[in-house]
C-alpha atoms as a PDB file:
ATOM      1  CA  MET A   1     124.240  30.153  80.217  1.00  0.00           C
ATOM      2  CA  LEU A   2     126.861  32.907  79.837  1.00  0.00           C
ATOM      3  CA  LYS A   3     128.973  31.200  82.535  1.00  0.00           C
ATOM      4  CA  PHE A   4     128.937  27.990  80.627  1.00  0.00           C
ATOM      5  CA  LEU A   5     129.885  29.715  77.385  1.00  0.00           C
ATOM      6  CA  ARG A   6     132.817  31.484  79.212  1.00  0.00           C
ATOM      7  CA  GLN A   7     133.980  28.114  80.593  1.00  0.00           C
ATOM      8  CA  CYS A   8     133.885  26.641  77.047  1.00  0.00           C
ATOM      9  CA  VAL A   9     136.027  29.532  75.746  1.00  0.00           C
ATOM     10  CA  VAL A  10     138.714  28.736  78.416  1.00  0.00           C
ATOM     11  CA  VAL A  11     138.764  25.250  77.496  1.00  0.00           C
ATOM     12  CA  LEU A  12     139.002  25.935  73.647  1.00  0.00           C
ATOM     13  CA  CYS A  13     141.649  28.515  74.135  1.00  0.00           C
ATOM     14  CA  LEU A  14     144.498  26.592  75.694  1.00  0.00           C
ATOM     15  CA  PRO A  15     147.997  27.435  74.323  1.00  0.00           C
ATOM     16  CA  PHE A  16     149.661  25.363  71.861  1.00  0.00           C
ATOM     17  CA  SER A  17     152.533  24.578  74.178  1.00  0.00           C
ATOM     18  CA  MET A  18     150.429  22.389  76.531  1.00  0.00           C
ATOM     19  CA  VAL A  19     149.988  19.762  73.869  1.00  0.00           C
ATOM     20  CA  ALA A  20     153.063  18.125  72.160  1.00  0.00           C
ATOM     21  CA  HIS A  21     153.356  15.973  69.079  1.00  0.00           C
ATOM     22  CA  SER A  22     149.983  16.867  67.503  1.00  0.00           C
ATOM     23  CA  ALA A  23     148.876  19.181  64.660  1.00  0.00           C
ATOM     24  CA  THR A  24     148.110  22.547  65.958  1.00  0.00           C
ATOM     25  CA  VAL A  25     145.239  24.722  64.492  1.00  0.00           C
ATOM     26  CA  LEU A  26     144.378  28.325  65.410  1.00  0.00           C
ATOM     27  CA  PHE A  27     140.716  29.253  64.470  1.00  0.00           C
ATOM     28  CA  LEU A  28     140.161  33.004  64.122  1.00  0.00           C
ATOM     29  CA  ASN A  29     136.432  33.088  65.048  1.00  0.00           C
ATOM     30  CA  PRO A  30     134.910  36.360  63.762  1.00  0.00           C
ATOM     31  CA  GLY A  31     132.074  36.263  66.472  1.00  0.00           C
ATOM     32  CA  ASN A  32     131.743  37.136  70.028  1.00  0.00           C
ATOM     33  CA  ALA A  33     132.833  34.759  72.843  1.00  0.00           C
ATOM     34  CA  ASP A  34     129.276  34.633  74.179  1.00  0.00           C
ATOM     35  CA  GLU A  35     127.480  34.443  70.684  1.00  0.00           C
ATOM     36  CA  THR A  36     125.491  31.138  70.586  1.00  0.00           C
ATOM     37  CA  PHE A  37     126.131  30.345  66.945  1.00  0.00           C
ATOM     38  CA  TRP A  38     129.810  30.851  67.017  1.00  0.00           C
ATOM     39  CA  VAL A  39     130.465  29.422  70.253  1.00  0.00           C
ATOM     40  CA  SER A  40     128.673  26.131  68.986  1.00  0.00           C
ATOM     41  CA  TYR A  41     130.706  26.455  65.743  1.00  0.00           C
ATOM     42  CA  SER A  42     133.980  26.173  67.978  1.00  0.00           C
ATOM     43  CA  GLN A  43     132.557  23.632  70.146  1.00  0.00           C
ATOM     44  CA  PHE A  44     131.961  21.161  67.280  1.00  0.00           C
ATOM     45  CA  MET A  45     135.403  21.922  65.905  1.00  0.00           C
ATOM     46  CA  GLN A  46     136.749  21.138  69.482  1.00  0.00           C
ATOM     47  CA  ALA A  47     134.908  17.774  69.391  1.00  0.00           C
ATOM     48  CA  ALA A  48     136.632  16.896  66.121  1.00  0.00           C
ATOM     49  CA  ALA A  49     140.054  17.992  67.352  1.00  0.00           C
ATOM     50  CA  GLN A  50     139.788  15.752  70.370  1.00  0.00           C
ATOM     51  CA  ASP A  51     138.771  12.712  68.465  1.00  0.00           C
ATOM     52  CA  LEU A  52     141.321  13.345  65.693  1.00  0.00           C
ATOM     53  CA  GLY A  53     144.151  13.981  68.185  1.00  0.00           C
ATOM     54  CA  MET A  54     144.806  17.582  67.221  1.00  0.00           C
ATOM     55  CA  HIS A  55     145.096  20.734  69.267  1.00  0.00           C
ATOM     56  CA  LEU A  56     142.784  23.493  68.689  1.00  0.00           C
ATOM     57  CA  GLU A  57     142.955  27.114  69.877  1.00  0.00           C
ATOM     58  CA  VAL A  58     140.213  29.555  69.216  1.00  0.00           C
ATOM     59  CA  GLN A  59     140.435  33.367  69.384  1.00  0.00           C
ATOM     60  CA  TYR A  60     137.227  35.548  69.142  1.00  0.00           C
ATOM     61  CA  ALA A  61     137.316  38.704  67.126  1.00  0.00           C
ATOM     62  CA  GLY A  62     133.840  40.195  68.535  1.00  0.00           C
ATOM     63  CA  ARG A  63     132.693  41.159  65.102  1.00  0.00           C
ATOM     64  CA  SER A  64     135.853  43.366  64.515  1.00  0.00           C
ATOM     65  CA  PRO A  65     137.660  42.642  61.169  1.00  0.00           C
ATOM     66  CA  ASP A  66     140.460  44.702  62.421  1.00  0.00           C
ATOM     67  CA  LYS A  67     140.860  42.517  65.430  1.00  0.00           C
ATOM     68  CA  SER A  68     140.770  39.415  63.261  1.00  0.00           C
ATOM     69  CA  ILE A  69     143.613  40.793  61.085  1.00  0.00           C
ATOM     70  CA  ALA A  70     145.651  41.803  64.078  1.00  0.00           C
ATOM     71  CA  GLN A  71     145.170  38.218  65.308  1.00  0.00           C
ATOM     72  CA  ALA A  72     146.073  36.873  62.102  1.00  0.00           C
ATOM     73  CA  ARG A  73     149.352  38.970  62.085  1.00  0.00           C
ATOM     74  CA  ALA A  74     150.479  37.892  65.596  1.00  0.00           C
ATOM     75  CA  ALA A  75     149.798  34.168  64.505  1.00  0.00           C
ATOM     76  CA  LEU A  76     151.434  34.478  61.160  1.00  0.00           C
ATOM     77  CA  GLN A  77     154.477  36.679  62.050  1.00  0.00           C
ATOM     78  CA  GLY A  78     154.824  35.823  65.695  1.00  0.00           C
ATOM     79  CA  ALA A  79     157.483  33.526  67.389  1.00  0.00           C
ATOM     80  CA  ARG A  80     154.915  30.799  68.153  1.00  0.00           C
ATOM     81  CA  ARG A  81     152.906  29.718  64.880  1.00  0.00           C
ATOM     82  CA  PRO A  82     150.267  27.153  64.551  1.00  0.00           C
ATOM     83  CA  ASP A  83     150.674  24.361  61.955  1.00  0.00           C
ATOM     84  CA  TYR A  84     147.299  25.576  60.527  1.00  0.00           C
ATOM     85  CA  LEU A  85     145.199  28.776  60.588  1.00  0.00           C
ATOM     86  CA  ILE A  86     141.452  28.436  59.900  1.00  0.00           C
ATOM     87  CA  PHE A  87     139.793  31.831  59.104  1.00  0.00           C
ATOM     88  CA  VAL A  88     136.476  33.281  57.818  1.00  0.00           C
ATOM     89  CA  ASN A  89     136.240  35.772  54.927  1.00  0.00           C
ATOM     90  CA  GLU A  90     134.100  37.912  57.145  1.00  0.00           C
ATOM     91  CA  GLN A  91     133.689  41.568  55.906  1.00  0.00           C
ATOM     92  CA  TYR A  92     136.071  40.566  53.107  1.00  0.00           C
ATOM     93  CA  ILE A  93     139.331  40.344  55.116  1.00  0.00           C
ATOM     94  CA  ALA A  94     140.718  37.293  53.267  1.00  0.00           C
ATOM     95  CA  PRO A  95     143.082  38.973  50.949  1.00  0.00           C
ATOM     96  CA  GLN A  96     144.778  40.748  53.853  1.00  0.00           C
ATOM     97  CA  ILE A  97     145.209  37.647  55.737  1.00  0.00           C
ATOM     98  CA  LEU A  98     146.592  35.827  52.716  1.00  0.00           C
ATOM     99  CA  ARG A  99     149.132  38.592  52.176  1.00  0.00           C
ATOM    100  CA  LEU A 100     150.084  38.361  55.793  1.00  0.00           C
ATOM    101  CA  SER A 101     150.693  34.593  55.372  1.00  0.00           C
ATOM    102  CA  GLN A 102     153.554  34.871  52.846  1.00  0.00           C
ATOM    103  CA  GLY A 103     156.763  33.068  54.041  1.00  0.00           C
ATOM    104  CA  SER A 104     154.953  32.283  57.387  1.00  0.00           C
ATOM    105  CA  GLY A 105     155.274  28.434  56.877  1.00  0.00           C
ATOM    106  CA  VAL A 106     151.708  28.252  58.146  1.00  0.00           C
ATOM    107  CA  LYS A 107     149.059  26.377  56.181  1.00  0.00           C
ATOM    108  CA  LEU A 108     145.757  28.332  55.636  1.00  0.00           C
ATOM    109  CA  PHE A 109     142.218  27.070  55.336  1.00  0.00           C
ATOM    110  CA  MET A 110     139.229  29.277  54.777  1.00  0.00           C
ATOM    111  CA  VAL A 111     135.604  28.343  56.002  1.00  0.00           C
ATOM    112  CA  HIS A 112     132.214  29.762  56.068  1.00  0.00           C
ATOM    113  CA  ASN A 113     132.547  32.709  53.716  1.00  0.00           C
ATOM    114  CA  GLY A 114     134.593  32.218  50.741  1.00  0.00           C
ATOM    115  CA  LEU A 115     136.289  34.688  48.356  1.00  0.00           C
ATOM    116  CA  THR A 116     134.067  36.925  46.253  1.00  0.00           C
ATOM    117  CA  ARG A 117     134.332  36.995  42.457  1.00  0.00           C
ATOM    118  CA  GLU A 118     136.212  40.125  42.605  1.00  0.00           C
ATOM    119  CA  GLN A 119     138.513  38.736  45.236  1.00  0.00           C
ATOM    120  CA  ILE A 120     139.115  35.716  43.196  1.00  0.00           C
ATOM    121  CA  GLN A 121     140.157  37.879  40.285  1.00  0.00           C
ATOM    122  CA  MET A 122     142.458  39.883  42.574  1.00  0.00           C
ATOM    123  CA  VAL A 123     144.136  37.019  44.316  1.00  0.00           C
ATOM    124  CA  GLY A 124     144.369  34.979  41.112  1.00  0.00           C
ATOM    125  CA  THR A 125     147.196  37.126  39.684  1.00  0.00           C
ATOM    126  CA  ASP A 126     149.331  36.474  42.896  1.00  0.00           C
ATOM    127  CA  ALA A 127     148.149  32.843  43.421  1.00  0.00           C
ATOM    128  CA  GLY A 128     151.767  31.547  43.417  1.00  0.00           C
ATOM    129  CA  ASN A 129     152.580  33.749  46.599  1.00  0.00           C
ATOM    130  CA  TYR A 130     149.997  31.911  48.738  1.00  0.00           C
ATOM    131  CA  SER A 131     151.405  28.219  48.619  1.00  0.00           C
ATOM    132  CA  GLY A 132     150.412  27.909  52.182  1.00  0.00           C
ATOM    133  CA  TRP A 133     146.778  28.427  51.300  1.00  0.00           C
ATOM    134  CA  VAL A 134     145.581  24.656  51.154  1.00  0.00           C
ATOM    135  CA  GLY A 135     141.825  25.058  50.700  1.00  0.00           C
ATOM    136  CA  SER A 136     138.240  26.334  51.400  1.00  0.00           C
ATOM    137  CA  MET A 137     134.914  24.973  52.507  1.00  0.00           C
ATOM    138  CA  VAL A 138     131.624  26.883  52.420  1.00  0.00           C
ATOM    139  CA  THR A 139     128.122  25.689  52.660  1.00  0.00           C
ATOM    140  CA  ASN A 140     124.942  26.198  50.528  1.00  0.00           C
ATOM    141  CA  ASP A 141     123.862  29.638  51.726  1.00  0.00           C
ATOM    142  CA  GLU A 142     122.074  30.323  48.556  1.00  0.00           C
ATOM    143  CA  GLU A 143     119.955  27.158  48.751  1.00  0.00           C
ATOM    144  CA  GLY A 144     119.494  27.859  52.573  1.00  0.00           C
ATOM    145  CA  GLY A 145     117.767  31.352  51.514  1.00  0.00           C
ATOM    146  CA  TYR A 146     115.808  29.810  48.900  1.00  0.00           C
ATOM    147  CA  LEU A 147     114.410  26.811  51.208  1.00  0.00           C
ATOM    148  CA  MET A 148     113.298  29.288  53.738  1.00  0.00           C
ATOM    149  CA  LEU A 149     111.155  31.393  51.536  1.00  0.00           C
ATOM    150  CA  ASN A 150     109.744  28.319  49.829  1.00  0.00           C
ATOM    151  CA  GLU A 151     108.710  26.855  53.208  1.00  0.00           C
ATOM    152  CA  LEU A 152     107.086  29.940  54.321  1.00  0.00           C
ATOM    153  CA  VAL A 153     105.085  30.193  51.122  1.00  0.00           C
ATOM    154  CA  ARG A 154     104.218  26.506  51.477  1.00  0.00           C
ATOM    155  CA  GLN A 155     103.027  26.801  54.971  1.00  0.00           C
ATOM    156  CA  HIS A 156     100.912  29.974  54.299  1.00  0.00           C
ATOM    157  CA  ALA A 157      99.110  28.214  51.535  1.00  0.00           C
ATOM    158  CA  ALA A 158      98.140  25.610  54.023  1.00  0.00           C
ATOM    159  CA  LEU A 159      96.400  28.175  56.137  1.00  0.00           C
ATOM    160  CA  GLY A 160      94.282  29.187  53.227  1.00  0.00           C
ATOM    161  CA  PRO A 161      94.279  30.951  49.853  1.00  0.00           C
ATOM    162  CA  ALA A 162      95.721  34.358  49.424  1.00  0.00           C
ATOM    163  CA  LYS A 163      95.879  36.568  46.266  1.00  0.00           C
ATOM    164  CA  THR A 164      99.112  38.352  47.400  1.00  0.00           C
ATOM    165  CA  LEU A 165     101.376  37.874  50.292  1.00  0.00           C
ATOM    166  CA  ASP A 166     103.437  40.880  51.731  1.00  0.00           C
ATOM    167  CA  LEU A 167     107.038  39.921  52.549  1.00  0.00           C
ATOM    168  CA  VAL A 168     109.656  41.850  54.546  1.00  0.00           C
ATOM    169  CA  ALA A 169     113.140  40.441  54.763  1.00  0.00           C
ATOM    170  CA  PHE A 170     116.118  41.048  57.164  1.00  0.00           C
ATOM    171  CA  SER A 171     119.565  40.273  55.650  1.00  0.00           C
ATOM    172  CA  GLY A 172     122.836  40.356  57.499  1.00  0.00           C
ATOM    173  CA  VAL A 173     125.639  42.568  56.642  1.00  0.00           C
ATOM    174  CA  LYS A 174     126.163  43.775  53.137  1.00  0.00           C
ATOM    175  CA  ASN A 175     129.977  42.883  53.008  1.00  0.00           C
ATOM    176  CA  THR A 176     129.696  39.324  54.178  1.00  0.00           C
ATOM    177  CA  PRO A 177     129.445  36.680  51.535  1.00  0.00           C
ATOM    178  CA  ALA A 178     127.122  34.241  53.420  1.00  0.00           C
ATOM    179  CA  SER A 179     124.555  37.105  53.808  1.00  0.00           C
ATOM    180  CA  ARG A 180     124.648  38.050  50.203  1.00  0.00           C
ATOM    181  CA  TRP A 181     124.243  34.439  48.996  1.00  0.00           C
ATOM    182  CA  ARG A 182     121.225  33.830  51.379  1.00  0.00           C
ATOM    183  CA  GLU A 183     119.798  37.066  49.776  1.00  0.00           C
ATOM    184  CA  LYS A 184     120.263  35.648  46.371  1.00  0.00           C
ATOM    185  CA  GLY A 185     118.303  32.428  47.476  1.00  0.00           C
ATOM    186  CA  MET A 186     115.628  34.396  48.796  1.00  0.00           C
ATOM    187  CA  LEU A 187     115.377  36.440  45.461  1.00  0.00           C
ATOM    188  CA  ARG A 188     115.300  33.193  43.447  1.00  0.00           C
ATOM    189  CA  ALA A 189     112.446  31.821  45.541  1.00  0.00           C
ATOM    190  CA  LEU A 190     110.579  35.120  45.057  1.00  0.00           C
ATOM    191  CA  ARG A 191     110.789  34.813  41.355  1.00  0.00           C
ATOM    192  CA  GLU A 192     108.991  31.451  41.582  1.00  0.00           C
ATOM    193  CA  HIS A 193     106.115  32.922  43.578  1.00  0.00           C
ATOM    194  CA  PRO A 194     104.663  35.995  41.789  1.00  0.00           C
ATOM    195  CA  GLN A 195     101.996  36.109  44.637  1.00  0.00           C
ATOM    196  CA  VAL A 196     104.698  37.220  47.006  1.00  0.00           C
ATOM    197  CA  ARG A 197     105.474  40.948  47.159  1.00  0.00           C
ATOM    198  CA  LEU A 198     108.892  41.873  48.790  1.00  0.00           C
ATOM    199  CA  ARG A 199     108.006  45.174  50.388  1.00  0.00           C
ATOM    200  CA  GLN A 200     111.357  45.931  51.772  1.00  0.00           C
ATOM    201  CA  MET A 201     114.654  44.288  52.626  1.00  0.00           C
ATOM    202  CA  VAL A 202     116.861  45.655  55.423  1.00  0.00           C
ATOM    203  CA  TYR A 203     120.348  44.978  56.781  1.00  0.00           C
ATOM    204  CA  GLY A 204     119.769  43.808  60.439  1.00  0.00           C
ATOM    205  CA  GLU A 205     123.515  43.194  60.683  1.00  0.00           C
ATOM    206  CA  TRP A 206     122.754  39.856  62.517  1.00  0.00           C
ATOM    207  CA  SER A 207     121.592  41.907  65.569  1.00  0.00           C
ATOM    208  CA  GLN A 208     118.286  41.096  67.404  1.00  0.00           C
ATOM    209  CA  GLN A 209     117.969  44.822  68.632  1.00  0.00           C
ATOM    210  CA  ARG A 210     118.698  46.436  65.210  1.00  0.00           C
ATOM    211  CA  ALA A 211     116.060  43.975  63.621  1.00  0.00           C
ATOM    212  CA  TYR A 212     113.656  44.948  66.340  1.00  0.00           C
ATOM    213  CA  GLU A 213     113.894  48.551  65.709  1.00  0.00           C
ATOM    214  CA  GLN A 214     113.706  48.122  61.965  1.00  0.00           C
ATOM    215  CA  ALA A 215     110.749  45.759  62.178  1.00  0.00           C
ATOM    216  CA  LYS A 216     108.646  48.339  64.525  1.00  0.00           C
ATOM    217  CA  GLN A 217     108.998  50.895  61.517  1.00  0.00           C
ATOM    218  CA  LEU A 218     108.464  48.266  58.782  1.00  0.00           C
ATOM    219  CA  PHE A 219     105.290  46.637  60.415  1.00  0.00           C
ATOM    220  CA  LYS A 220     103.711  50.218  60.562  1.00  0.00           C
ATOM    221  CA  ARG A 221     104.716  50.784  57.021  1.00  0.00           C
ATOM    222  CA  TYR A 222     103.333  47.506  55.744  1.00  0.00           C
ATOM    223  CA  PRO A 223     100.606  46.389  58.106  1.00  0.00           C
ATOM    224  CA  ASP A 224      99.506  43.500  55.683  1.00  0.00           C
ATOM    225  CA  THR A 225     102.984  41.796  56.224  1.00  0.00           C
ATOM    226  CA  ALA A 226     102.368  37.991  56.205  1.00  0.00           C
ATOM    227  CA  LEU A 227     105.939  36.642  55.772  1.00  0.00           C
ATOM    228  CA  VAL A 228     109.078  37.487  57.430  1.00  0.00           C
ATOM    229  CA  TRP A 229     112.455  36.110  56.101  1.00  0.00           C
ATOM    230  CA  SER A 230     115.574  36.488  58.279  1.00  0.00           C
ATOM    231  CA  ALA A 231     119.005  35.495  57.514  1.00  0.00           C
ATOM    232  CA  ASN A 232     119.673  34.338  61.147  1.00  0.00           C
ATOM    233  CA  ASP A 233     117.867  33.676  64.242  1.00  0.00           C
ATOM    234  CA  GLU A 234     118.676  36.787  66.165  1.00  0.00           C
ATOM    235  CA  MET A 235     117.046  39.103  63.609  1.00  0.00           C
ATOM    236  CA  ALA A 236     114.110  36.782  63.450  1.00  0.00           C
ATOM    237  CA  PHE A 237     113.631  37.097  67.205  1.00  0.00           C
ATOM    238  CA  GLY A 238     114.042  40.949  67.025  1.00  0.00           C
ATOM    239  CA  ALA A 239     111.180  41.141  64.312  1.00  0.00           C
ATOM    240  CA  MET A 240     109.005  38.540  66.294  1.00  0.00           C
ATOM    241  CA  HIS A 241     109.306  40.789  69.284  1.00  0.00           C
ATOM    242  CA  ALA A 242     108.135  43.828  67.155  1.00  0.00           C
ATOM    243  CA  ALA A 243     105.190  41.773  65.695  1.00  0.00           C
ATOM    244  CA  GLN A 244     104.120  40.748  69.158  1.00  0.00           C
ATOM    245  CA  GLU A 245     103.932  44.338  70.280  1.00  0.00           C
ATOM    246  CA  ALA A 246     101.898  45.158  67.088  1.00  0.00           C
ATOM    247  CA  GLY A 247      99.465  42.533  68.224  1.00  0.00           C
ATOM    248  CA  ARG A 248     100.489  39.830  65.724  1.00  0.00           C
ATOM    249  CA  VAL A 249     100.989  36.177  66.593  1.00  0.00           C
ATOM    250  CA  ALA A 250     104.036  34.406  65.179  1.00  0.00           C
ATOM    251  CA  GLY A 251     103.034  31.268  63.494  1.00  0.00           C
ATOM    252  CA  ARG A 252      99.421  32.203  62.922  1.00  0.00           C
ATOM    253  CA  ASP A 253      99.198  35.957  61.800  1.00  0.00           C
ATOM    254  CA  MET A 254     102.654  36.193  60.515  1.00  0.00           C
ATOM    255  CA  LEU A 255     105.000  33.393  59.553  1.00  0.00           C
ATOM    256  CA  PHE A 256     108.854  33.684  60.292  1.00  0.00           C
ATOM    257  CA  SER A 257     111.804  32.041  59.188  1.00  0.00           C
ATOM    258  CA  ALA A 258     115.425  31.856  60.465  1.00  0.00           C
ATOM    259  CA  VAL A 259     118.862  30.309  60.015  1.00  0.00           C
ATOM    260  CA  ASN A 260     120.778  28.647  62.971  1.00  0.00           C
ATOM    261  CA  SER A 261     120.310  25.932  65.471  1.00  0.00           C
ATOM    262  CA  SER A 262     120.622  27.884  68.773  1.00  0.00           C
ATOM    263  CA  ILE A 263     118.606  26.645  71.812  1.00  0.00           C
ATOM    264  CA  PRO A 264     115.911  29.456  71.311  1.00  0.00           C
ATOM    265  CA  ALA A 265     115.551  28.978  67.477  1.00  0.00           C
ATOM    266  CA  LEU A 266     115.147  25.159  67.958  1.00  0.00           C
ATOM    267  CA  GLN A 267     112.619  25.875  70.739  1.00  0.00           C
ATOM    268  CA  ALA A 268     110.881  28.310  68.506  1.00  0.00           C
ATOM    269  CA  ARG A 269     110.453  25.725  65.809  1.00  0.00           C
ATOM    270  CA  ILE A 270     109.189  23.197  68.046  1.00  0.00           C
ATOM    271  CA  ASP A 271     106.728  25.689  69.431  1.00  0.00           C
ATOM    272  CA  GLY A 272     105.620  26.839  65.973  1.00  0.00           C
ATOM    273  CA  ARG A 273     106.822  30.430  66.257  1.00  0.00           C
ATOM    274  CA  LEU A 274     109.255  29.762  63.729  1.00  0.00           C
ATOM    275  CA  SER A 275     107.586  28.187  60.717  1.00  0.00           C
ATOM    276  CA  ALA A 276     110.786  27.664  58.697  1.00  0.00           C
ATOM    277  CA  LEU A 277     114.284  26.939  60.157  1.00  0.00           C
ATOM    278  CA  VAL A 278     117.412  26.072  58.215  1.00  0.00           C
ATOM    279  CA  ALA A 279     120.427  24.873  60.147  1.00  0.00           C
ATOM    280  CA  GLY A 280     123.551  22.710  59.852  1.00  0.00           C
ATOM    281  CA  HIS A 281     126.341  25.167  58.915  1.00  0.00           C
ATOM    282  CA  PHE A 282     127.708  25.290  62.616  1.00  0.00           C
ATOM    283  CA  THR A 283     129.345  21.886  61.685  1.00  0.00           C
ATOM    284  CA  LEU A 284     131.443  23.361  58.871  1.00  0.00           C
ATOM    285  CA  GLY A 285     134.558  24.019  61.009  1.00  0.00           C
ATOM    286  CA  GLY A 286     134.478  20.375  62.468  1.00  0.00           C
ATOM    287  CA  TRP A 287     134.670  18.973  58.728  1.00  0.00           C
ATOM    288  CA  ALA A 288     137.414  21.297  58.077  1.00  0.00           C
ATOM    289  CA  MET A 289     139.457  19.743  60.971  1.00  0.00           C
ATOM    290  CA  VAL A 290     138.921  16.380  59.193  1.00  0.00           C
ATOM    291  CA  LEU A 291     140.580  17.555  56.061  1.00  0.00           C
ATOM    292  CA  LEU A 292     143.497  19.212  57.690  1.00  0.00           C
ATOM    293  CA  ASN A 293     144.119  15.968  59.926  1.00  0.00           C
ATOM    294  CA  ASP A 294     144.397  14.139  56.591  1.00  0.00           C
ATOM    295  CA  ASP A 295     146.691  16.761  55.283  1.00  0.00           C
ATOM    296  CA  ALA A 296     148.836  16.633  58.556  1.00  0.00           C
ATOM    297  CA  LYS A 297     149.197  12.733  57.803  1.00  0.00           C
ATOM    298  CA  GLY A 298     150.232  13.257  54.267  1.00  0.00           C
ATOM    299  CA  ILE A 299     146.961  12.535  52.585  1.00  0.00           C
ATOM    300  CA  ASP A 300     146.015  14.844  49.665  1.00  0.00           C
ATOM    301  CA  PHE A 301     142.417  15.537  50.518  1.00  0.00           C
ATOM    302  CA  THR A 302     142.027  17.603  47.356  1.00  0.00           C
ATOM    303  CA  ARG A 303     142.022  14.145  45.456  1.00  0.00           C
ATOM    304  CA  PHE A 304     138.597  13.579  47.147  1.00  0.00           C
ATOM    305  CA  GLY A 305     136.597  16.643  46.016  1.00  0.00           C
ATOM    306  CA  GLY A 306     138.988  19.381  45.322  1.00  0.00           C
ATOM    307  CA  ARG A 307     140.752  22.232  47.148  1.00  0.00           C
ATOM    308  CA  ASP A 308     137.779  24.583  47.384  1.00  0.00           C
ATOM    309  CA  ARG A 309     134.559  22.830  48.065  1.00  0.00           C
ATOM    310  CA  LEU A 310     130.822  23.681  48.722  1.00  0.00           C
ATOM    311  CA  VAL A 311     129.207  21.284  51.180  1.00  0.00           C
ATOM    312  CA  PRO A 312     125.308  21.305  51.315  1.00  0.00           C
ATOM    313  CA  LEU A 313     125.074  21.355  55.045  1.00  0.00           C
ATOM    314  CA  LEU A 314     122.067  23.746  55.292  1.00  0.00           C
ATOM    315  CA  GLN A 315     118.748  22.060  55.352  1.00  0.00           C
ATOM    316  CA  LEU A 316     115.252  22.536  56.583  1.00  0.00           C
ATOM    317  CA  ILE A 317     114.731  21.411  60.201  1.00  0.00           C
ATOM    318  CA  ASP A 318     111.301  19.775  61.127  1.00  0.00           C
ATOM    319  CA  VAL A 319     109.861  19.475  64.596  1.00  0.00           C
ATOM    320  CA  ASP A 320     111.327  16.147  65.284  1.00  0.00           C
ATOM    321  CA  GLN A 321     114.745  17.084  64.129  1.00  0.00           C
ATOM    322  CA  ALA A 322     114.525  20.286  66.062  1.00  0.00           C
ATOM    323  CA  ARG A 323     113.856  18.212  69.243  1.00  0.00           C
ATOM    324  CA  HIS A 324     116.820  15.810  68.505  1.00  0.00           C
ATOM    325  CA  LEU A 325     119.213  18.810  67.934  1.00  0.00           C
ATOM    326  CA  LEU A 326     117.836  20.632  70.929  1.00  0.00           C
ATOM    327  CA  SER A 327     118.885  17.593  73.108  1.00  0.00           C
ATOM    328  CA  ILE A 328     122.449  17.376  71.495  1.00  0.00           C
ATOM    329  CA  THR A 329     122.958  21.199  71.933  1.00  0.00           C
ATOM    330  CA  ARG A 330     121.855  21.242  75.512  1.00  0.00           C
ATOM    331  CA  GLU A 331     124.084  18.367  76.458  1.00  0.00           C
ATOM    332  CA  GLN A 332     126.942  19.388  74.036  1.00  0.00           C
ATOM    333  CA  HIS A 333     127.050  15.844  72.821  1.00  0.00           C
ATOM    334  CA  TYR A 334     128.926  15.906  69.818  1.00  0.00           C
ATOM    335  CA  GLN A 335     130.429  12.550  70.073  1.00  0.00           C
ATOM    336  CA  LEU A 336     130.897  11.617  66.528  1.00  0.00           C
ATOM    337  CA  PRO A 337     133.693   9.235  65.239  1.00  0.00           C
ATOM    338  CA  PHE A 338     135.414  11.999  63.296  1.00  0.00           C
ATOM    339  CA  LYS A 339     138.286   9.511  62.425  1.00  0.00           C
ATOM    340  CA  ARG A 340     135.882   7.481  60.383  1.00  0.00           C
ATOM    341  CA  PHE A 341     135.477  10.428  57.845  1.00  0.00           C
ATOM    342  CA  SER A 342     139.200  10.416  56.925  1.00  0.00           C
ATOM    343  CA  ALA A 343     140.162   9.712  53.523  1.00  0.00           C
ATOM    344  CA  GLN A 344     143.019   7.296  54.670  1.00  0.00           C
ATOM    345  CA  GLY A 345     142.890   3.954  53.064  1.00  0.00           C
ATOM    346  CA  LYS A 346     139.851   4.969  50.832  1.00  0.00           C
ATOM    347  CA  PRO A 347     139.672   4.503  47.148  1.00  0.00           C
ATOM    348  CA  ASP A 348     139.902   7.436  44.586  1.00  0.00           C
ATOM    349  CA  SER A 349     136.157   7.419  44.351  1.00  0.00           C
ATOM    350  CA  TYR A 350     135.643   8.319  48.002  1.00  0.00           C
ATOM    351  CA  VAL A 351     133.626  11.354  48.820  1.00  0.00           C
ATOM    352  CA  TYR A 352     133.895  12.900  52.236  1.00  0.00           C
ATOM    353  CA  PRO A 353     130.414  12.348  53.622  1.00  0.00           C
ATOM    354  CA  PHE A 354     129.999  15.614  55.338  1.00  0.00           C
ATOM    355  CA  SER A 355     126.457  16.393  56.468  1.00  0.00           C
ATOM    356  CA  LEU A 356     123.961  17.275  59.228  1.00  0.00           C
ATOM    357  CA  LYS A 357     122.595  13.796  58.906  1.00  0.00           C
ATOM    358  CA  SER A 358     125.752  12.381  60.535  1.00  0.00           C
ATOM    359  CA  LEU A 359     124.904  14.259  63.637  1.00  0.00           C
ATOM    360  CA  LEU A 360     121.215  13.777  63.501  1.00  0.00           C
ATOM    361  CA  GLN A 361     121.564   9.978  63.125  1.00  0.00           C
ATOM    362  CA  ALA A 362     124.362   9.758  65.899  1.00  0.00           C
ATOM    363  CA  PRO A 363     123.008   8.230  69.025  1.00  0.00           C
END
């Protein structure tokens, strides 16, 4: 698997100079080059680029905000600049990248993590300096967090009545907007289910090992834990490992949730070890490519949904959908007709139909 991912990275990172007369895009991927979620994110973008006739280069930052900023500086201030730079507001780095972009001639698009309220206020006073910032796209992270806990409660109710349910939660990184939005969704669902007691929420920093170490202590502290909410799949698997060591059976003695559509997560949903799985946001970058391709053609995509948009990509994945996604993921079969999503020639009432359903319904 690791060899396959490395081969994909080589394909994704061909230099701009090898492709002429097409819009060039650089994606600053905040993850690791062997991290399943972020590699699949880039692969879906590459499928879009190939169908749209664009050229995409991906650079991985290895979870280092300093490296992301250095990559942005090189791209925005160097001699060889892309037409478009796509980046993520991971660990709140967006304002620094926006400042670096001034006078670069590069158009910027933000995905996955948007600006925080405080950042919007800060950037708003200098908005005129960021004329190259053409838009942003995020997904429904708050709803994703909400859906997971609701589904855990629903499935536990099907196992039999319970007066109270103890919950432990694993959030991601404190200074990542997507993580905080998922937390808010979980807390909203918690208010609707007074029988559920949140015993403790910890920050697993998206890490399986860290969540495993935290879960070993949490399950000793709260031996009646019935529900485990996790903001990604890696932390869910870490907690699941700790539960197994404590003699608990995932899907029976303890119900787990997760976000992501990695092969292990999809298989765990099929096997019943994950009771609630939310996925779909790995397609976000691919849809951003559609918007930028329209922009490169002179189409004002803001007429069809605005400059900054929230796309409800996250949805609960049932067992049949997990099987279908597993097949697509294993074969890397992202052969969608991305050109058909363009707003070119569409009426003013057109809405870009970005959703996971497009992929699930593809042959």
